[in-house]
Amino acid sequence: MIFLDTHVVIWLYAHLFDKLSALSEKLINNNDLYCSPMVKLELKYLFEIDRITEKPNPIIDGLGKEIGLTIRNIELNQLIDQSLDIIWTRDPFDRLIVAQARLEGAFLLTKDTSKF
């Protein structure tokens, strides 16, 4: 099980495969792919501030059909509690996305570097 961070979802949707490492491509091709519902919310935010040109539902739905990406739901209070221990970033999206991957015991495919 691999969780995809927001920018990886965007790269895959835009077919920017050159942004992915060989290891990333291997992980994507050989695992079930999930994302947090927070990725969907961050996509909406990025659309609203004109950082991306597509709304979240076509991105998530398109990747669901193309590569089997699924949003994995989680209880919000549990997610918030886990995110309170993440102090390497002030970005609420990053905190929640990392928290969910931790709770799920899954790898998070991301370009970000941190000590999580």
PDB file of N, CA and C in Angstrom:
ATOM      1  N   MET A   1       0.843  -1.176   0.000  1.00  0.00           N
ATOM      2  CA  MET A   1       0.000   0.000   0.000  1.00  0.00           C
ATOM      3  C   MET A   1       0.890   1.242   0.000  1.00  0.00           C
ATOM      4  N   ILE A   2       0.660   2.117  -0.964  1.00  0.00           N
ATOM      5  CA  ILE A   2       1.411   3.362  -1.076  1.00  0.00           C
ATOM      6  C   ILE A   2       0.423   4.527  -1.067  1.00  0.00           C
ATOM      7  N   PHE A   3       0.712   5.518  -0.243  1.00  0.00           N
ATOM      8  CA  PHE A   3      -0.061   6.757  -0.267  1.00  0.00           C
ATOM      9  C   PHE A   3       0.679   7.769  -1.137  1.00  0.00           C
ATOM     10  N   LEU A   4      -0.066   8.504  -1.919  1.00  0.00           N
ATOM     11  CA  LEU A   4       0.516   9.519  -2.787  1.00  0.00           C
ATOM     12  C   LEU A   4       0.257  10.899  -2.209  1.00  0.00           C
ATOM     13  N   ASP A   5       1.298  11.695  -2.162  1.00  0.00           N
ATOM     14  CA  ASP A   5       1.172  13.083  -1.735  1.00  0.00           C
ATOM     15  C   ASP A   5       0.587  13.898  -2.896  1.00  0.00           C
ATOM     16  N   THR A   6       0.148  15.089  -2.599  1.00  0.00           N
ATOM     17  CA  THR A   6      -0.583  15.911  -3.558  1.00  0.00           C
ATOM     18  C   THR A   6       0.197  16.173  -4.837  1.00  0.00           C
ATOM     19  N   HIS A   7       1.450  16.561  -4.715  1.00  0.00           N
ATOM     20  CA  HIS A   7       2.205  16.892  -5.931  1.00  0.00           C
ATOM     21  C   HIS A   7       2.429  15.653  -6.803  1.00  0.00           C
ATOM     22  N   VAL A   8       2.538  14.482  -6.203  1.00  0.00           N
ATOM     23  CA  VAL A   8       2.684  13.256  -6.991  1.00  0.00           C
ATOM     24  C   VAL A   8       1.386  12.983  -7.748  1.00  0.00           C
ATOM     25  N   VAL A   9       0.260  13.206  -7.109  1.00  0.00           N
ATOM     26  CA  VAL A   9      -1.035  13.060  -7.782  1.00  0.00           C
ATOM     27  C   VAL A   9      -1.107  14.003  -8.985  1.00  0.00           C
ATOM     28  N   ILE A  10      -0.682  15.234  -8.797  1.00  0.00           N
ATOM     29  CA  ILE A  10      -0.699  16.214  -9.889  1.00  0.00           C
ATOM     30  C   ILE A  10       0.216  15.771 -11.020  1.00  0.00           C
ATOM     31  N   TRP A  11       1.420  15.330 -10.696  1.00  0.00           N
ATOM     32  CA  TRP A  11       2.363  14.877 -11.729  1.00  0.00           C
ATOM     33  C   TRP A  11       1.788  13.717 -12.529  1.00  0.00           C
ATOM     34  N   LEU A  12       1.196  12.756 -11.826  1.00  0.00           N
ATOM     35  CA  LEU A  12       0.631  11.596 -12.519  1.00  0.00           C
ATOM     36  C   LEU A  12      -0.528  12.008 -13.419  1.00  0.00           C
ATOM     37  N   TYR A  13      -1.379  12.880 -12.935  1.00  0.00           N
ATOM     38  CA  TYR A  13      -2.512  13.333 -13.736  1.00  0.00           C
ATOM     39  C   TYR A  13      -2.046  14.078 -14.993  1.00  0.00           C
ATOM     40  N   ALA A  14      -0.977  14.865 -14.832  1.00  0.00           N
ATOM     41  CA  ALA A  14      -0.447  15.645 -15.958  1.00  0.00           C
ATOM     42  C   ALA A  14       0.530  14.846 -16.814  1.00  0.00           C
ATOM     43  N   HIS A  15       0.724  13.575 -16.490  1.00  0.00           N
ATOM     44  CA  HIS A  15       1.659  12.690 -17.198  1.00  0.00           C
ATOM     45  C   HIS A  15       3.080  13.253 -17.193  1.00  0.00           C
ATOM     46  N   LEU A  16       3.474  13.829 -16.069  1.00  0.00           N
ATOM     47  CA  LEU A  16       4.838  14.345 -15.893  1.00  0.00           C
ATOM     48  C   LEU A  16       5.701  13.261 -15.245  1.00  0.00           C
ATOM     49  N   PHE A  17       5.803  12.142 -15.929  1.00  0.00           N
ATOM     50  CA  PHE A  17       6.497  10.981 -15.378  1.00  0.00           C
ATOM     51  C   PHE A  17       7.994  11.223 -15.186  1.00  0.00           C
ATOM     52  N   ASP A  18       8.552  12.182 -15.908  1.00  0.00           N
ATOM     53  CA  ASP A  18       9.971  12.490 -15.757  1.00  0.00           C
ATOM     54  C   ASP A  18      10.290  13.076 -14.379  1.00  0.00           C
ATOM     55  N   LYS A  19       9.281  13.509 -13.647  1.00  0.00           N
ATOM     56  CA  LYS A  19       9.478  14.033 -12.291  1.00  0.00           C
ATOM     57  C   LYS A  19       9.637  12.905 -11.277  1.00  0.00           C
ATOM     58  N   LEU A  20       9.316  11.689 -11.688  1.00  0.00           N
ATOM     59  CA  LEU A  20       9.376  10.542 -10.786  1.00  0.00           C
ATOM     60  C   LEU A  20      10.696   9.809 -10.918  1.00  0.00           C
ATOM     61  N   SER A  21      11.216   9.361  -9.802  1.00  0.00           N
ATOM     62  CA  SER A  21      12.423   8.534  -9.827  1.00  0.00           C
ATOM     63  C   SER A  21      12.054   7.133 -10.296  1.00  0.00           C
ATOM     64  N   ALA A  22      13.063   6.366 -10.638  1.00  0.00           N
ATOM     65  CA  ALA A  22      12.838   4.975 -11.039  1.00  0.00           C
ATOM     66  C   ALA A  22      12.198   4.189  -9.897  1.00  0.00           C
ATOM     67  N   LEU A  23      12.633   4.453  -8.671  1.00  0.00           N
ATOM     68  CA  LEU A  23      12.047   3.778  -7.513  1.00  0.00           C
ATOM     69  C   LEU A  23      10.578   4.167  -7.360  1.00  0.00           C
ATOM     70  N   SER A  24      10.264   5.440  -7.535  1.00  0.00           N
ATOM     71  CA  SER A  24       8.873   5.893  -7.441  1.00  0.00           C
ATOM     72  C   SER A  24       8.002   5.186  -8.471  1.00  0.00           C
ATOM     73  N   GLU A  25       8.479   5.101  -9.691  1.00  0.00           N
ATOM     74  CA  GLU A  25       7.719   4.416 -10.743  1.00  0.00           C
ATOM     75  C   GLU A  25       7.494   2.954 -10.390  1.00  0.00           C
ATOM     76  N   LYS A  26       8.519   2.313  -9.849  1.00  0.00           N
ATOM     77  CA  LYS A  26       8.400   0.908  -9.459  1.00  0.00           C
ATOM     78  C   LYS A  26       7.358   0.745  -8.352  1.00  0.00           C
ATOM     79  N   LEU A  27       7.394   1.620  -7.359  1.00  0.00           N
ATOM     80  CA  LEU A  27       6.423   1.558  -6.264  1.00  0.00           C
ATOM     81  C   LEU A  27       5.002   1.780  -6.776  1.00  0.00           C
ATOM     82  N   ILE A  28       4.834   2.727  -7.678  1.00  0.00           N
ATOM     83  CA  ILE A  28       3.514   3.016  -8.246  1.00  0.00           C
ATOM     84  C   ILE A  28       2.992   1.830  -9.035  1.00  0.00           C
ATOM     85  N   ASN A  29       3.861   1.199  -9.779  1.00  0.00           N
ATOM     86  CA  ASN A  29       3.447   0.082 -10.637  1.00  0.00           C
ATOM     87  C   ASN A  29       3.198  -1.221  -9.884  1.00  0.00           C
ATOM     88  N   ASN A  30       3.746  -1.329  -8.676  1.00  0.00           N
ATOM     89  CA  ASN A  30       3.687  -2.612  -7.971  1.00  0.00           C
ATOM     90  C   ASN A  30       2.909  -2.587  -6.656  1.00  0.00           C
ATOM     91  N   ASN A  31       2.133  -1.527  -6.424  1.00  0.00           N
ATOM     92  CA  ASN A  31       1.405  -1.421  -5.161  1.00  0.00           C
ATOM     93  C   ASN A  31       0.009  -0.868  -5.390  1.00  0.00           C
ATOM     94  N   ASP A  32      -0.863  -1.125  -4.409  1.00  0.00           N
ATOM     95  CA  ASP A  32      -2.160  -0.463  -4.403  1.00  0.00           C
ATOM     96  C   ASP A  32      -1.922   0.992  -4.032  1.00  0.00           C
ATOM     97  N   LEU A  33      -2.610   1.900  -4.735  1.00  0.00           N
ATOM     98  CA  LEU A  33      -2.365   3.331  -4.575  1.00  0.00           C
ATOM     99  C   LEU A  33      -3.539   4.012  -3.902  1.00  0.00           C
ATOM    100  N   TYR A  34      -3.226   4.786  -2.871  1.00  0.00           N
ATOM    101  CA  TYR A  34      -4.226   5.495  -2.097  1.00  0.00           C
ATOM    102  C   TYR A  34      -3.786   6.940  -1.907  1.00  0.00           C
ATOM    103  N   CYS A  35      -4.759   7.761  -1.567  1.00  0.00           N
ATOM    104  CA  CYS A  35      -4.440   9.099  -1.086  1.00  0.00           C
ATOM    105  C   CYS A  35      -5.421   9.451   0.021  1.00  0.00           C
ATOM    106  N   SER A  36      -4.999  10.367   0.833  1.00  0.00           N
ATOM    107  CA  SER A  36      -5.832  10.877   1.906  1.00  0.00           C
ATOM    108  C   SER A  36      -6.900  11.794   1.329  1.00  0.00           C
ATOM    109  N   PRO A  37      -8.055  11.896   1.964  1.00  0.00           N
ATOM    110  CA  PRO A  37      -9.030  12.885   1.535  1.00  0.00           C
ATOM    111  C   PRO A  37      -8.467  14.308   1.611  1.00  0.00           C
ATOM    112  N   MET A  38      -7.424  14.476   2.415  1.00  0.00           N
ATOM    113  CA  MET A  38      -6.786  15.791   2.517  1.00  0.00           C
ATOM    114  C   MET A  38      -6.112  16.181   1.205  1.00  0.00           C
ATOM    115  N   VAL A  39      -5.697  15.208   0.412  1.00  0.00           N
ATOM    116  CA  VAL A  39      -5.136  15.491  -0.907  1.00  0.00           C
ATOM    117  C   VAL A  39      -6.204  16.156  -1.771  1.00  0.00           C
ATOM    118  N   LYS A  40      -7.405  15.631  -1.700  1.00  0.00           N
ATOM    119  CA  LYS A  40      -8.507  16.203  -2.473  1.00  0.00           C
ATOM    120  C   LYS A  40      -8.775  17.647  -2.047  1.00  0.00           C
ATOM    121  N   LEU A  41      -8.742  17.899  -0.752  1.00  0.00           N
ATOM    122  CA  LEU A  41      -8.947  19.255  -0.244  1.00  0.00           C
ATOM    123  C   LEU A  41      -7.807  20.185  -0.676  1.00  0.00           C
ATOM    124  N   GLU A  42      -6.579  19.682  -0.639  1.00  0.00           N
ATOM    125  CA  GLU A  42      -5.447  20.499  -1.080  1.00  0.00           C
ATOM    126  C   GLU A  42      -5.529  20.791  -2.575  1.00  0.00           C
ATOM    127  N   LEU A  43      -5.984  19.827  -3.363  1.00  0.00           N
ATOM    128  CA  LEU A  43      -6.183  20.074  -4.794  1.00  0.00           C
ATOM    129  C   LEU A  43      -7.190  21.199  -5.015  1.00  0.00           C
ATOM    130  N   LYS A  44      -8.241  21.223  -4.228  1.00  0.00           N
ATOM    131  CA  LYS A  44      -9.235  22.298  -4.334  1.00  0.00           C
ATOM    132  C   LYS A  44      -8.602  23.643  -4.000  1.00  0.00           C
ATOM    133  N   TYR A  45      -7.809  23.669  -2.942  1.00  0.00           N
ATOM    134  CA  TYR A  45      -7.107  24.891  -2.559  1.00  0.00           C
ATOM    135  C   TYR A  45      -6.186  25.358  -3.689  1.00  0.00           C
ATOM    136  N   LEU A  46      -5.412  24.450  -4.250  1.00  0.00           N
ATOM    137  CA  LEU A  46      -4.495  24.808  -5.337  1.00  0.00           C
ATOM    138  C   LEU A  46      -5.250  25.300  -6.572  1.00  0.00           C
ATOM    139  N   PHE A  47      -6.410  24.731  -6.834  1.00  0.00           N
ATOM    140  CA  PHE A  47      -7.250  25.200  -7.941  1.00  0.00           C
ATOM    141  C   PHE A  47      -7.738  26.623  -7.665  1.00  0.00           C
ATOM    142  N   GLU A  48      -8.177  26.859  -6.446  1.00  0.00           N
ATOM    143  CA  GLU A  48      -8.716  28.183  -6.089  1.00  0.00           C
ATOM    144  C   GLU A  48      -7.674  29.288  -6.142  1.00  0.00           C
ATOM    145  N   ILE A  49      -6.420  28.953  -5.887  1.00  0.00           N
ATOM    146  CA  ILE A  49      -5.368  29.985  -5.953  1.00  0.00           C
ATOM    147  C   ILE A  49      -4.639  29.953  -7.294  1.00  0.00           C
ATOM    148  N   ASP A  50      -5.224  29.266  -8.266  1.00  0.00           N
ATOM    149  CA  ASP A  50      -4.706  29.215  -9.640  1.00  0.00           C
ATOM    150  C   ASP A  50      -3.340  28.564  -9.782  1.00  0.00           C
ATOM    151  N   ARG A  51      -3.038  27.606  -8.918  1.00  0.00           N
ATOM    152  CA  ARG A  51      -1.791  26.842  -9.057  1.00  0.00           C
ATOM    153  C   ARG A  51      -1.973  25.632  -9.956  1.00  0.00           C
ATOM    154  N   ILE A  52      -3.216  25.140 -10.057  1.00  0.00           N
ATOM    155  CA  ILE A  52      -3.555  24.083 -11.006  1.00  0.00           C
ATOM    156  C   ILE A  52      -4.833  24.508 -11.736  1.00  0.00           C
ATOM    157  N   THR A  53      -5.061  23.915 -12.899  1.00  0.00           N
ATOM    158  CA  THR A  53      -6.190  24.350 -13.730  1.00  0.00           C
ATOM    159  C   THR A  53      -7.358  23.375 -13.734  1.00  0.00           C
ATOM    160  N   GLU A  54      -7.228  22.277 -13.027  1.00  0.00           N
ATOM    161  CA  GLU A  54      -8.288  21.264 -12.989  1.00  0.00           C
ATOM    162  C   GLU A  54      -8.836  21.162 -11.574  1.00  0.00           C
ATOM    163  N   LYS A  55     -10.127  20.949 -11.459  1.00  0.00           N
ATOM    164  CA  LYS A  55     -10.752  20.743 -10.154  1.00  0.00           C
ATOM    165  C   LYS A  55     -10.391  19.349  -9.622  1.00  0.00           C
ATOM    166  N   PRO A  56     -10.564  19.147  -8.314  1.00  0.00           N
ATOM    167  CA  PRO A  56     -10.120  17.880  -7.716  1.00  0.00           C
ATOM    168  C   PRO A  56     -10.830  16.628  -8.214  1.00  0.00           C
ATOM    169  N   ASN A  57     -12.136  16.666  -8.389  1.00  0.00           N
ATOM    170  CA  ASN A  57     -12.844  15.435  -8.755  1.00  0.00           C
ATOM    171  C   ASN A  57     -12.373  14.837 -10.073  1.00  0.00           C
ATOM    172  N   PRO A  58     -12.193  15.622 -11.145  1.00  0.00           N
ATOM    173  CA  PRO A  58     -11.672  15.010 -12.376  1.00  0.00           C
ATOM    174  C   PRO A  58     -10.269  14.413 -12.205  1.00  0.00           C
ATOM    175  N   ILE A  59      -9.456  15.023 -11.361  1.00  0.00           N
ATOM    176  CA  ILE A  59      -8.105  14.497 -11.119  1.00  0.00           C
ATOM    177  C   ILE A  59      -8.188  13.146 -10.416  1.00  0.00           C
ATOM    178  N   ILE A  60      -8.907  13.110  -9.305  1.00  0.00           N
ATOM    179  CA  ILE A  60      -9.004  11.875  -8.523  1.00  0.00           C
ATOM    180  C   ILE A  60      -9.733  10.793  -9.314  1.00  0.00           C
ATOM    181  N   ASP A  61     -10.840  11.149  -9.952  1.00  0.00           N
ATOM    182  CA  ASP A  61     -11.596  10.164 -10.738  1.00  0.00           C
ATOM    183  C   ASP A  61     -10.774   9.648 -11.918  1.00  0.00           C
ATOM    184  N   GLY A  62     -10.058  10.556 -12.594  1.00  0.00           N
ATOM    185  CA  GLY A  62      -9.235  10.151 -13.730  1.00  0.00           C
ATOM    186  C   GLY A  62      -8.135   9.196 -13.325  1.00  0.00           C
ATOM    187  N   LEU A  63      -7.467   9.498 -12.218  1.00  0.00           N
ATOM    188  CA  LEU A  63      -6.407   8.601 -11.755  1.00  0.00           C
ATOM    189  C   LEU A  63      -6.975   7.305 -11.187  1.00  0.00           C
ATOM    190  N   GLY A  64      -8.202   7.354 -10.696  1.00  0.00           N
ATOM    191  CA  GLY A  64      -8.853   6.122 -10.256  1.00  0.00           C
ATOM    192  C   GLY A  64      -9.020   5.164 -11.421  1.00  0.00           C
ATOM    193  N   LYS A  65      -9.438   5.693 -12.541  1.00  0.00           N
ATOM    194  CA  LYS A  65      -9.624   4.861 -13.734  1.00  0.00           C
ATOM    195  C   LYS A  65      -8.296   4.473 -14.359  1.00  0.00           C
ATOM    196  N   GLU A  66      -7.347   5.388 -14.352  1.00  0.00           N
ATOM    197  CA  GLU A  66      -6.073   5.167 -15.039  1.00  0.00           C
ATOM    198  C   GLU A  66      -5.126   4.254 -14.271  1.00  0.00           C
ATOM    199  N   ILE A  67      -4.989   4.500 -12.970  1.00  0.00           N
ATOM    200  CA  ILE A  67      -3.992   3.732 -12.196  1.00  0.00           C
ATOM    201  C   ILE A  67      -4.561   3.095 -10.933  1.00  0.00           C
ATOM    202  N   GLY A  68      -5.873   3.208 -10.729  1.00  0.00           N
ATOM    203  CA  GLY A  68      -6.495   2.575  -9.565  1.00  0.00           C
ATOM    204  C   GLY A  68      -6.363   3.362  -8.274  1.00  0.00           C
ATOM    205  N   LEU A  69      -6.091   4.652  -8.350  1.00  0.00           N
ATOM    206  CA  LEU A  69      -5.972   5.469  -7.140  1.00  0.00           C
ATOM    207  C   LEU A  69      -7.313   5.528  -6.415  1.00  0.00           C
ATOM    208  N   THR A  70      -7.261   5.325  -5.108  1.00  0.00           N
ATOM    209  CA  THR A  70      -8.455   5.338  -4.268  1.00  0.00           C
ATOM    210  C   THR A  70      -8.238   6.276  -3.095  1.00  0.00           C
ATOM    211  N   ILE A  71      -9.252   7.056  -2.768  1.00  0.00           N
ATOM    212  CA  ILE A  71      -9.205   7.843  -1.533  1.00  0.00           C
ATOM    213  C   ILE A  71      -9.537   6.907  -0.382  1.00  0.00           C
ATOM    214  N   ARG A  72      -8.699   6.936   0.611  1.00  0.00           N
ATOM    215  CA  ARG A  72      -8.907   6.056   1.776  1.00  0.00           C
ATOM    216  C   ARG A  72      -9.410   6.914   2.936  1.00  0.00           C
ATOM    217  N   ASN A  73     -10.648   6.690   3.306  1.00  0.00           N
ATOM    218  CA  ASN A  73     -11.263   7.478   4.365  1.00  0.00           C
ATOM    219  C   ASN A  73     -10.748   7.063   5.727  1.00  0.00           C
ATOM    220  N   ILE A  74     -10.782   8.019   6.635  1.00  0.00           N
ATOM    221  CA  ILE A  74     -10.311   7.785   7.996  1.00  0.00           C
ATOM    222  C   ILE A  74     -11.109   8.693   8.925  1.00  0.00           C
ATOM    223  N   GLU A  75     -11.246   8.289  10.152  1.00  0.00           N
ATOM    224  CA  GLU A  75     -11.969   9.084  11.135  1.00  0.00           C
ATOM    225  C   GLU A  75     -11.183  10.368  11.413  1.00  0.00           C
ATOM    226  N   LEU A  76     -11.844  11.508  11.289  1.00  0.00           N
ATOM    227  CA  LEU A  76     -11.169  12.803  11.347  1.00  0.00           C
ATOM    228  C   LEU A  76     -10.498  13.077  12.686  1.00  0.00           C
ATOM    229  N   ASN A  77     -11.145  12.771  13.785  1.00  0.00           N
ATOM    230  CA  ASN A  77     -10.546  13.049  15.091  1.00  0.00           C
ATOM    231  C   ASN A  77      -9.276  12.231  15.299  1.00  0.00           C
ATOM    232  N   GLN A  78      -9.278  11.000  14.850  1.00  0.00           N
ATOM    233  CA  GLN A  78      -8.078  10.154  14.940  1.00  0.00           C
ATOM    234  C   GLN A  78      -6.947  10.766  14.109  1.00  0.00           C
ATOM    235  N   LEU A  79      -7.294  11.264  12.936  1.00  0.00           N
ATOM    236  CA  LEU A  79      -6.309  11.884  12.055  1.00  0.00           C
ATOM    237  C   LEU A  79      -5.729  13.150  12.687  1.00  0.00           C
ATOM    238  N   ILE A  80      -6.582  13.976  13.247  1.00  0.00           N
ATOM    239  CA  ILE A  80      -6.139  15.206  13.901  1.00  0.00           C
ATOM    240  C   ILE A  80      -5.215  14.878  15.069  1.00  0.00           C
ATOM    241  N   ASP A  81      -5.614  13.911  15.897  1.00  0.00           N
ATOM    242  CA  ASP A  81      -4.780  13.528  17.040  1.00  0.00           C
ATOM    243  C   ASP A  81      -3.379  13.113  16.594  1.00  0.00           C
ATOM    244  N   GLN A  82      -3.301  12.298  15.543  1.00  0.00           N
ATOM    245  CA  GLN A  82      -1.999  11.847  15.036  1.00  0.00           C
ATOM    246  C   GLN A  82      -1.194  13.032  14.492  1.00  0.00           C
ATOM    247  N   SER A  83      -1.865  13.979  13.861  1.00  0.00           N
ATOM    248  CA  SER A  83      -1.158  15.102  13.233  1.00  0.00           C
ATOM    249  C   SER A  83      -0.556  16.061  14.258  1.00  0.00           C
ATOM    250  N   LEU A  84      -1.049  16.034  15.491  1.00  0.00           N
ATOM    251  CA  LEU A  84      -0.545  16.946  16.515  1.00  0.00           C
ATOM    252  C   LEU A  84       0.919  16.689  16.869  1.00  0.00           C
ATOM    253  N   ASP A  85       1.390  15.481  16.605  1.00  0.00           N
ATOM    254  CA  ASP A  85       2.784  15.128  16.895  1.00  0.00           C
ATOM    255  C   ASP A  85       3.741  15.471  15.753  1.00  0.00           C
ATOM    256  N   ILE A  86       3.210  15.939  14.650  1.00  0.00           N
ATOM    257  CA  ILE A  86       4.052  16.258  13.493  1.00  0.00           C
ATOM    258  C   ILE A  86       4.447  17.722  13.584  1.00  0.00           C
ATOM    259  N   ILE A  87       5.730  17.947  13.880  1.00  0.00           N
ATOM    260  CA  ILE A  87       6.171  19.321  14.136  1.00  0.00           C
ATOM    261  C   ILE A  87       7.176  19.833  13.118  1.00  0.00           C
ATOM    262  N   TRP A  88       7.523  19.037  12.119  1.00  0.00           N
ATOM    263  CA  TRP A  88       8.530  19.463  11.143  1.00  0.00           C
ATOM    264  C   TRP A  88       7.948  20.390  10.092  1.00  0.00           C
ATOM    265  N   THR A  89       6.632  20.555  10.061  1.00  0.00           N
ATOM    266  CA  THR A  89       6.006  21.442   9.092  1.00  0.00           C
ATOM    267  C   THR A  89       4.864  22.187   9.751  1.00  0.00           C
ATOM    268  N   ARG A  90       4.582  23.356   9.222  1.00  0.00           N
ATOM    269  CA  ARG A  90       3.421  24.124   9.675  1.00  0.00           C
ATOM    270  C   ARG A  90       2.263  23.983   8.686  1.00  0.00           C
ATOM    271  N   ASP A  91       2.488  23.309   7.581  1.00  0.00           N
ATOM    272  CA  ASP A  91       1.465  23.140   6.550  1.00  0.00           C
ATOM    273  C   ASP A  91       0.418  22.132   7.035  1.00  0.00           C
ATOM    274  N   PRO A  92      -0.828  22.565   7.197  1.00  0.00           N
ATOM    275  CA  PRO A  92      -1.846  21.638   7.720  1.00  0.00           C
ATOM    276  C   PRO A  92      -2.121  20.469   6.777  1.00  0.00           C
ATOM    277  N   PHE A  93      -2.031  20.678   5.477  1.00  0.00           N
ATOM    278  CA  PHE A  93      -2.241  19.571   4.543  1.00  0.00           C
ATOM    279  C   PHE A  93      -1.156  18.514   4.737  1.00  0.00           C
ATOM    280  N   ASP A  94       0.103  18.951   4.788  1.00  0.00           N
ATOM    281  CA  ASP A  94       1.199  18.003   4.981  1.00  0.00           C
ATOM    282  C   ASP A  94       1.043  17.234   6.286  1.00  0.00           C
ATOM    283  N   ARG A  95       0.697  17.945   7.344  1.00  0.00           N
ATOM    284  CA  ARG A  95       0.524  17.280   8.635  1.00  0.00           C
ATOM    285  C   ARG A  95      -0.524  16.168   8.558  1.00  0.00           C
ATOM    286  N   LEU A  96      -1.646  16.462   7.944  1.00  0.00           N
ATOM    287  CA  LEU A  96      -2.736  15.490   7.888  1.00  0.00           C
ATOM    288  C   LEU A  96      -2.431  14.337   6.932  1.00  0.00           C
ATOM    289  N   ILE A  97      -1.791  14.628   5.823  1.00  0.00           N
ATOM    290  CA  ILE A  97      -1.446  13.576   4.859  1.00  0.00           C
ATOM    291  C   ILE A  97      -0.410  12.624   5.463  1.00  0.00           C
ATOM    292  N   VAL A  98       0.598  13.171   6.104  1.00  0.00           N
ATOM    293  CA  VAL A  98       1.617  12.344   6.760  1.00  0.00           C
ATOM    294  C   VAL A  98       0.990  11.557   7.908  1.00  0.00           C
ATOM    295  N   ALA A  99       0.124  12.198   8.675  1.00  0.00           N
ATOM    296  CA  ALA A  99      -0.526  11.514   9.793  1.00  0.00           C
ATOM    297  C   ALA A  99      -1.312  10.304   9.313  1.00  0.00           C
ATOM    298  N   GLN A 100      -2.013  10.439   8.202  1.00  0.00           N
ATOM    299  CA  GLN A 100      -2.791   9.298   7.716  1.00  0.00           C
ATOM    300  C   GLN A 100      -1.889   8.167   7.258  1.00  0.00           C
ATOM    301  N   ALA A 101      -0.831   8.497   6.545  1.00  0.00           N
ATOM    302  CA  ALA A 101       0.095   7.435   6.125  1.00  0.00           C
ATOM    303  C   ALA A 101       0.659   6.705   7.343  1.00  0.00           C
ATOM    304  N   ARG A 102       0.998   7.452   8.380  1.00  0.00           N
ATOM    305  CA  ARG A 102       1.489   6.827   9.608  1.00  0.00           C
ATOM    306  C   ARG A 102       0.451   5.893  10.216  1.00  0.00           C
ATOM    307  N   LEU A 103      -0.773   6.394  10.345  1.00  0.00           N
ATOM    308  CA  LEU A 103      -1.833   5.583  10.948  1.00  0.00           C
ATOM    309  C   LEU A 103      -2.108   4.315  10.146  1.00  0.00           C
ATOM    310  N   GLU A 104      -1.965   4.407   8.836  1.00  0.00           N
ATOM    311  CA  GLU A 104      -2.222   3.261   7.963  1.00  0.00           C
ATOM    312  C   GLU A 104      -1.017   2.324   7.890  1.00  0.00           C
ATOM    313  N   GLY A 105       0.122   2.758   8.447  1.00  0.00           N
ATOM    314  CA  GLY A 105       1.335   1.952   8.358  1.00  0.00           C
ATOM    315  C   GLY A 105       1.834   1.834   6.936  1.00  0.00           C
ATOM    316  N   ALA A 106       1.655   2.905   6.159  1.00  0.00           N
ATOM    317  CA  ALA A 106       1.972   2.879   4.730  1.00  0.00           C
ATOM    318  C   ALA A 106       3.095   3.847   4.403  1.00  0.00           C
ATOM    319  N   PHE A 107       3.733   3.595   3.273  1.00  0.00           N
ATOM    320  CA  PHE A 107       4.702   4.533   2.737  1.00  0.00           C
ATOM    321  C   PHE A 107       3.962   5.702   2.110  1.00  0.00           C
ATOM    322  N   LEU A 108       4.570   6.877   2.196  1.00  0.00           N
ATOM    323  CA  LEU A 108       4.037   8.070   1.537  1.00  0.00           C
ATOM    324  C   LEU A 108       5.014   8.469   0.455  1.00  0.00           C
ATOM    325  N   LEU A 109       4.549   8.439  -0.777  1.00  0.00           N
ATOM    326  CA  LEU A 109       5.378   8.850  -1.903  1.00  0.00           C
ATOM    327  C   LEU A 109       5.250  10.357  -2.054  1.00  0.00           C
ATOM    328  N   THR A 110       6.361  11.064  -1.826  1.00  0.00           N
ATOM    329  CA  THR A 110       6.364  12.516  -1.788  1.00  0.00           C
ATOM    330  C   THR A 110       7.694  13.037  -2.267  1.00  0.00           C
ATOM    331  N   LYS A 111       7.717  14.296  -2.676  1.00  0.00           N
ATOM    332  CA  LYS A 111       8.992  14.932  -3.008  1.00  0.00           C
ATOM    333  C   LYS A 111       9.561  15.644  -1.794  1.00  0.00           C
ATOM    334  N   ASP A 112       8.718  15.844  -0.770  1.00  0.00           N
ATOM    335  CA  ASP A 112       9.137  16.567   0.431  1.00  0.00           C
ATOM    336  C   ASP A 112      10.158  15.754   1.208  1.00  0.00           C
ATOM    337  N   THR A 113      11.040  16.467   1.859  1.00  0.00           N
ATOM    338  CA  THR A 113      11.985  15.817   2.760  1.00  0.00           C
ATOM    339  C   THR A 113      11.610  16.224   4.173  1.00  0.00           C
ATOM    340  N   SER A 114      11.703  15.290   5.068  1.00  0.00           N
ATOM    341  CA  SER A 114      11.352  15.567   6.455  1.00  0.00           C
ATOM    342  C   SER A 114      11.925  14.464   7.326  1.00  0.00           C
ATOM    343  N   LYS A 115      11.606  14.558   8.612  1.00  0.00           N
ATOM    344  CA  LYS A 115      12.022  13.541   9.553  1.00  0.00           C
ATOM    345  C   LYS A 115      10.797  12.832  10.108  1.00  0.00           C
ATOM    346  N   PHE A 116       9.935  12.342   9.233  1.00  0.00           N
ATOM    347  CA  PHE A 116       8.743  11.665   9.722  1.00  0.00           C
ATOM    348  C   PHE A 116       8.959  10.188   9.699  1.00  0.00           C
TER     349      PHE A 116
END
